[in-house]
Each structure stands twice: as structure tokens, then as C-alpha cells.
Amino acid sequence: MRYSKNFDVIVVGGGHAGTEAALASARMGCDTLLITHSIESLGAMSCNPSIGGIGKGHLVKEIDAMGGAMAAATDEAGIQFRILNSSKGPAVRATRAQGDRILYKAAIRRRLENQENLTLFQAAVDDLLVQGDEVQGVVTQMGLQFMAKKVVLTAGTFLDGKIHVGLNNYAGGRAGDPASISLSARLKELKLPQGRLKTGTPPRIDGRTIDFSVMLEQPGDLDPVPVFSYLGRPEQHPKQVPCWISHTNEQTHDIIRGGLDRSPMYTGVIEGVGPRYCPSIEDKIHRFASRNSHQIFLEPEGLTT
């Protein structure tokens, strides 16, 4: 069955990239359709609820300069703001914000639902409609066809995604969400170049079980208070809270080294390339074996967690 209306642009996937692509397309006057497997997941901060930092902060600023949503949403949802490398020159400084998951999600969804020329539709996309060398539309899991002049794929880690917990693994886009298996298979059929990326998700711990008195408090910057968007104001920020710093010791390292044979990173189970600026704790201990201690950051996921 074919949907009655044709679009200028279809964006598949409602993560960070997809929401920016859909908003940008709609702002340019294109009749845009954003298809996501779950409307409730729009704006979800999947791994770690932080924005920016040394490896990514400049990208957020560049997106903001082009009218993007991420920086502005962060100014409304950030519960701690810092300038990293502030003692060094301007070229290597980076803005970082700890976000409140609920507030950020709400800020992104509000922008999407109020954007002119943008339609939201909840469905999984299983196939592409291809005529010659041109993509003309998509097919959902239920067989509904949407046609458009252009199709943008921003399915990210959901494409044939796998979740690893120790030596166990299963298909998934992120915890609690299904992977996009059929669409990934279709892309392989089309013989498009593909790569595989890996990210590690930090464990969640109960704040009521932590002795903060033995940790170093890490407050946000106060003079001046950073903002992410070029149009942002500190008055937009919600309540600000600290992060905390602890350290590993030799006993910690012994425990981690003793479990490397159960780490998918070191048993060949994971083949993807990991992020350069965000090594896991086992990676730090393995690569920097001469160090007897590493920092551990404890970060809140929101004001109500």
C-alpha cells in the first residue's frame, strides 16, 4: 500500500543525526517525513547523557552555526557546563555539558513537533524502493510505501546492531530497542560500502549506595557560566549539579586484568572501531599498564535520578 502523499525528503532514524537532518530539511522549505521506530525515543541520549567535549564539542558548535537544534536543546537541558582545556589556548578548548535525559528529550521533541513542513511517523523501515541508481522511497515493516525525491538514512548503530554484555550478545539498536536487520541486509544487497563502529556504555549505579564524602567534587564553571549555542544564555540552564571523581587502584586493576578473558573487546567478539577519545576502563588499564591509577567519573543522568 502506498501513502497518499509524496514528500521531498524522507529521513529514516530519529537519533541525533536524524533529528538534525529532518529539522534542517524542513527549515529549508522541503516537505519532510521523519520515520522512527518509536516516537517516544526521539531525542534519547543513548549512551552517556553528555554533549560535547574534546572530541565532539566543535561538531556541536558547527551544527549550531548552521541553525541546528542540539546546542540550543543542551542549553535548556544541561545540568553542568564546563570549558575543557581552559588553561590552554582557544584552539584546543572545548565546551562540555552534562545533560538531563528527560529535559533534553523534551526539548528536541518540542522542536520537532512544532517545525513547519515536518511530519513524524512511527514505523520501522525494512526496505528501499530503488529504480535504476535512484532511491525513490522506503517500505515500512507493515508494507506501507512512502515516496520522496530524496531519502536520508540516519539509522546509526541500529543497522544490524548488536549489544554485548560480557561474552553474551544479542541483536539490538540499544538496550530495550530492536535492531534494524532488514534494512541493513538491503544495503548489503545494494553493495554499498559499510563499516562497523563500537561504543561502550558506562554502567548505571544507584546514587544512594555511593559515599560521596571520599570523592572529589567537580562543579561546573561559574565565571563565566558556559553556554553551548551562540544564541544561548545562562538563564536558560536548569538547576546545576556537580559530577564526582574517584580513582582506581592496583586492586581494581588486578580485578579488571583478571576478567579480560571475558571482555568482548579482548576476545575478538567485537570487530568494530572504538571511539578515540572515550576509551573503556579495561582499555585504559591495558594500554597504559605503567600507571597505577586512573580517574573514574561519576555523573548524574538527570535532576530526578
Foldseek 3Di string as FASTA:
>chain_A
DEDPDAWAEEEEAQEQVRLQVQLLCLVVPTLYEYEHQDLLCHQAPFFFQKAKDQPHQVVLAVSLVSPGQQQVLCLQFFQFKAWPPPVDDPVRIGIMTRGARVSSRVSSSVSQVPGPSYHYDHFAWQEFDDDDNATFWTATPVGYTHGHRYYHYDRPCLAQHWDDDQPDIDAASGVPHGGRDRHNVNVVVVVDDDADADEDHDDDDDPVVDDQVPWDKAGHDVVPHDGSHPPHDNVSYDHHDIKTKDKDAQVNLVVLVVRLCRHCVNVVVDDHHYDPPDDDPSVCCVVCVVDGMDMDIGGDNRPVD
